[in-house]
Amino acid sequence: MTLKLFHNPQSRATMTHWLLEELGADYELVRVEYEDGSMRTPEFLSISPLGKIPALVDGDVSVSDTPAIAIYLADKYKTPVDMAPGLDDPRRADYLRWLIFQGTAIDPAMLQAGLKFETTRRQAGWGDVEAVVDALETRLQTAEPYLFGDWFTAADLLVGGTLNWATEFGLMEARPAIERYVDAVTSRPAFAKTVGAE
């Protein structure tokens, strides 16, 4: 069965496109436009309640939001490529921590940096931009080259893909460990074929 990814190359859906390519999945891209109202139809809202992309349809199942889609795909589609520790794998907790860190810390910190608003570490769930960069730099100093050695996981894809944008647009400091990690993640052939080509 072909997976359907609702997609626009000017969106986070590019990371889900990249993930599908890494997994070797059989998928179809369904391009949607921001201005034509197609993401506000009842049909699309039944797939993605906020009317946003990425959104994925897998048979009778629909999933929206980048981290949720990544968890779903990496857990379900483990062949020919396994990109997620299993439920009984002790690495699972660290994997989930960093996969979710993309949406709960990196994305909000990028928004804070882009809009230039102040917050205290106590007010915001992500702390602030400096706290996020400090946490990433500390963890990525032990990436060899990925979070789990030479095993590239869906967490690497989300963290590395988002950090690529954050550093490229000057929203986060490209400290040495961050820069080294981004280089490793973005040098993958599936990145060049999907995100790098769009």
Protein backbone atom coordinates (compact mmCIF):
# COMPACT_ATOMS: atom_id res chain seq x y z
CA MET A 1 0.00 0.00 0.00
CA THR A 2 1.31 3.43 -0.96
CA LEU A 3 1.68 6.04 1.76
CA LYS A 4 0.38 9.50 0.87
CA LEU A 5 2.30 12.50 2.14
CA PHE A 6 0.57 15.88 1.88
CA HIS A 7 3.49 18.09 1.10
CA ASN A 8 4.81 21.46 0.02
CA PRO A 9 8.56 21.94 -0.53
CA GLN A 10 8.41 25.18 1.50
CA SER A 11 7.43 23.39 4.71
CA ARG A 12 8.48 20.93 7.39
CA ALA A 13 6.94 18.25 5.18
CA THR A 14 10.34 18.07 3.51
CA MET A 15 11.65 16.26 6.60
CA THR A 16 8.89 13.66 6.36
CA HIS A 17 9.68 13.28 2.66
CA TRP A 18 13.32 12.69 3.62
CA LEU A 19 12.26 10.12 6.25
CA LEU A 20 10.16 8.20 3.72
CA GLU A 21 13.14 8.07 1.39
CA GLU A 22 15.48 6.89 4.18
CA LEU A 23 13.00 4.13 5.07
CA GLY A 24 12.74 2.97 1.47
CA ALA A 25 8.95 3.30 1.72
CA ASP A 26 6.53 3.25 -1.19
CA TYR A 27 5.00 6.72 -1.09
CA GLU A 28 3.18 9.32 -3.11
CA LEU A 29 3.63 13.06 -2.66
CA VAL A 30 0.39 15.03 -2.75
CA ARG A 31 1.32 18.65 -3.24
CA VAL A 32 -0.83 21.19 -1.44
CA GLU A 33 -0.72 24.95 -1.71
CA TYR A 34 -1.07 27.43 1.12
CA GLU A 35 -3.24 29.95 -0.71
CA ASP A 36 -5.85 27.79 -2.45
CA GLY A 37 -7.86 26.80 0.65
CA SER A 38 -7.31 23.06 0.15
CA MET A 39 -5.91 22.69 3.67
CA ARG A 40 -9.12 24.15 5.18
CA THR A 41 -11.55 21.70 3.62
CA PRO A 42 -13.44 19.27 5.87
CA GLU A 43 -11.68 16.39 4.11
CA PHE A 44 -8.20 17.72 4.85
CA LEU A 45 -9.12 18.77 8.41
CA SER A 46 -10.16 15.17 9.08
CA ILE A 47 -6.54 14.22 8.29
CA SER A 48 -4.82 17.19 9.92
CA PRO A 49 -7.01 18.95 12.54
CA LEU A 50 -5.05 22.23 12.34
CA GLY A 51 -5.06 22.18 8.55
CA LYS A 52 -1.26 22.00 8.43
CA ILE A 53 1.36 19.92 6.72
CA PRO A 54 2.96 17.47 6.88
CA ALA A 55 0.06 15.07 7.02
CA LEU A 56 0.30 11.40 6.18
CA VAL A 57 -2.29 8.83 5.14
CA ASP A 58 -1.46 5.14 5.49
CA GLY A 59 -4.53 3.17 4.43
CA ASP A 60 -7.23 4.02 6.98
CA VAL A 61 -4.75 5.74 9.32
CA SER A 62 -3.92 9.43 9.22
CA VAL A 63 -1.16 11.13 11.19
CA SER A 64 -0.21 14.80 11.36
CA ASP A 65 2.63 16.78 12.99
CA THR A 66 6.24 16.04 12.15
CA PRO A 67 7.30 14.25 15.37
CA ALA A 68 4.15 12.11 15.49
CA ILE A 69 4.61 11.08 11.86
CA ALA A 70 8.28 10.25 12.51
CA ILE A 71 7.43 8.05 15.51
CA TYR A 72 4.66 6.31 13.56
CA LEU A 73 6.73 5.62 10.45
CA ALA A 74 9.95 4.59 12.20
CA ASP A 75 8.06 2.19 14.49
CA LYS A 76 5.88 0.65 11.77
CA TYR A 77 8.25 0.46 8.80
CA LYS A 78 11.38 -1.28 10.09
CA THR A 79 12.42 -2.97 6.87
CA PRO A 80 14.47 -2.56 4.81
CA VAL A 81 15.83 0.10 7.21
CA ASP A 82 15.36 0.28 10.99
CA MET A 83 15.36 3.87 12.26
CA ALA A 84 13.97 3.49 15.81
CA PRO A 85 14.93 1.57 18.95
CA GLY A 86 12.22 -0.92 19.92
CA LEU A 87 10.11 -0.57 23.05
CA ASP A 88 12.41 -2.89 25.02
CA ASP A 89 15.63 -1.24 23.82
CA PRO A 90 17.29 0.82 26.60
CA ARG A 91 18.13 3.50 24.02
CA ARG A 92 14.41 4.13 23.43
CA ALA A 93 14.11 6.81 26.12
CA ASP A 94 17.05 8.87 24.82
CA TYR A 95 15.77 8.42 21.26
CA LEU A 96 12.31 9.75 22.19
CA ARG A 97 13.82 12.59 24.25
CA TRP A 98 15.75 13.96 21.28
CA LEU A 99 13.09 13.24 18.66
CA ILE A 100 10.53 15.21 20.68
CA PHE A 101 13.15 17.89 21.54
CA GLN A 102 12.85 19.02 17.93
CA GLY A 103 9.24 20.16 18.37
CA THR A 104 9.28 21.15 22.04
CA ALA A 105 12.60 22.99 22.21
CA ILE A 106 14.37 23.59 18.89
CA ASP A 107 11.32 24.87 17.00
CA PRO A 108 10.18 27.26 19.77
CA ALA A 109 13.74 28.53 20.25
CA MET A 110 13.96 29.21 16.50
CA LEU A 111 10.69 31.13 16.72
CA GLN A 112 12.02 33.11 19.68
CA ALA A 113 15.23 33.93 17.81
CA GLY A 114 13.38 34.87 14.63
CA LEU A 115 10.79 37.09 16.34
CA LYS A 116 13.32 38.41 18.85
CA PHE A 117 11.12 38.15 21.91
CA GLU A 118 12.45 37.77 25.43
CA THR A 119 11.47 35.08 27.89
CA THR A 120 12.96 33.68 31.03
CA ARG A 121 13.97 30.05 31.42
CA ARG A 122 11.18 29.66 33.97
CA GLN A 123 8.45 31.07 31.72
CA ALA A 124 9.03 28.97 28.60
CA GLY A 125 9.03 25.20 28.35
CA TRP A 126 12.16 25.34 26.19
CA GLY A 127 13.98 27.76 28.50
CA ASP A 128 15.46 30.13 25.95
CA VAL A 129 17.63 29.97 22.83
CA GLU A 130 20.87 29.77 24.80
CA ALA A 131 19.58 26.91 26.97
CA VAL A 132 18.54 24.93 23.88
CA VAL A 133 21.89 25.48 22.15
CA ASP A 134 23.76 24.55 25.35
CA ALA A 135 21.78 21.29 25.70
CA LEU A 136 22.35 20.41 22.05
CA GLU A 137 26.06 21.18 22.15
CA THR A 138 26.48 19.02 25.27
CA ARG A 139 24.66 16.04 23.74
CA LEU A 140 26.18 16.37 20.28
CA GLN A 141 29.74 16.39 21.61
CA THR A 142 29.30 12.62 21.98
CA ALA A 143 27.61 12.06 18.59
CA GLU A 144 29.79 9.69 16.58
CA PRO A 145 28.61 10.83 14.08
CA TYR A 146 24.94 10.38 15.07
CA LEU A 147 23.16 10.26 18.42
CA PHE A 148 23.65 6.48 18.60
CA GLY A 149 27.04 6.09 16.98
CA ASP A 150 26.80 5.02 13.36
CA TRP A 151 23.06 4.25 13.60
CA PHE A 152 21.07 7.01 11.89
CA THR A 153 17.63 7.23 13.50
CA ALA A 154 14.49 9.29 12.99
CA ALA A 155 15.66 11.42 15.93
CA ASP A 156 18.80 12.36 14.01
CA LEU A 157 16.72 13.26 10.99
CA LEU A 158 14.46 15.63 12.95
CA VAL A 159 17.16 17.17 15.14
CA GLY A 160 19.76 17.42 12.37
CA GLY A 161 17.29 18.63 9.76
CA THR A 162 15.94 21.35 12.01
CA LEU A 163 19.42 22.40 13.15
CA ASN A 164 20.42 22.67 9.51
CA TRP A 165 17.74 25.34 9.00
CA ALA A 166 18.39 27.01 12.36
CA THR A 167 22.09 27.49 11.70
CA GLU A 168 21.67 28.29 8.00
CA PHE A 169 19.31 31.16 8.82
CA GLY A 170 21.34 32.38 11.81
CA LEU A 171 18.67 31.46 14.36
CA MET A 172 21.09 29.32 16.38
CA GLU A 173 24.82 29.43 16.83
CA ALA A 174 26.68 26.81 14.80
CA ARG A 175 28.99 25.66 17.60
CA PRO A 176 31.60 23.04 16.62
CA ALA A 177 29.70 19.92 17.74
CA ILE A 178 26.48 21.22 16.20
CA GLU A 179 28.19 22.06 12.92
CA ARG A 180 29.90 18.65 12.78
CA TYR A 181 26.58 16.88 13.45
CA VAL A 182 24.66 18.90 10.86
CA ASP A 183 27.36 18.12 8.28
CA ALA A 184 27.07 14.37 9.01
CA VAL A 185 23.27 14.36 8.83
CA THR A 186 22.97 16.48 5.69
CA SER A 187 25.62 14.50 3.81
CA ARG A 188 23.24 11.54 3.53
CA PRO A 189 22.11 10.67 -0.02
CA ALA A 190 18.40 10.74 0.95
CA PHE A 191 18.82 14.32 2.19
CA ALA A 192 20.31 15.39 -1.14
CA LYS A 193 17.52 13.60 -3.02
CA THR A 194 14.69 15.21 -1.05
CA VAL A 195 15.41 18.27 1.12
CA GLY A 196 18.55 19.27 -0.74
CA ALA A 197 16.77 19.05 -4.09
CA GLU A 198 13.77 21.21 -3.12
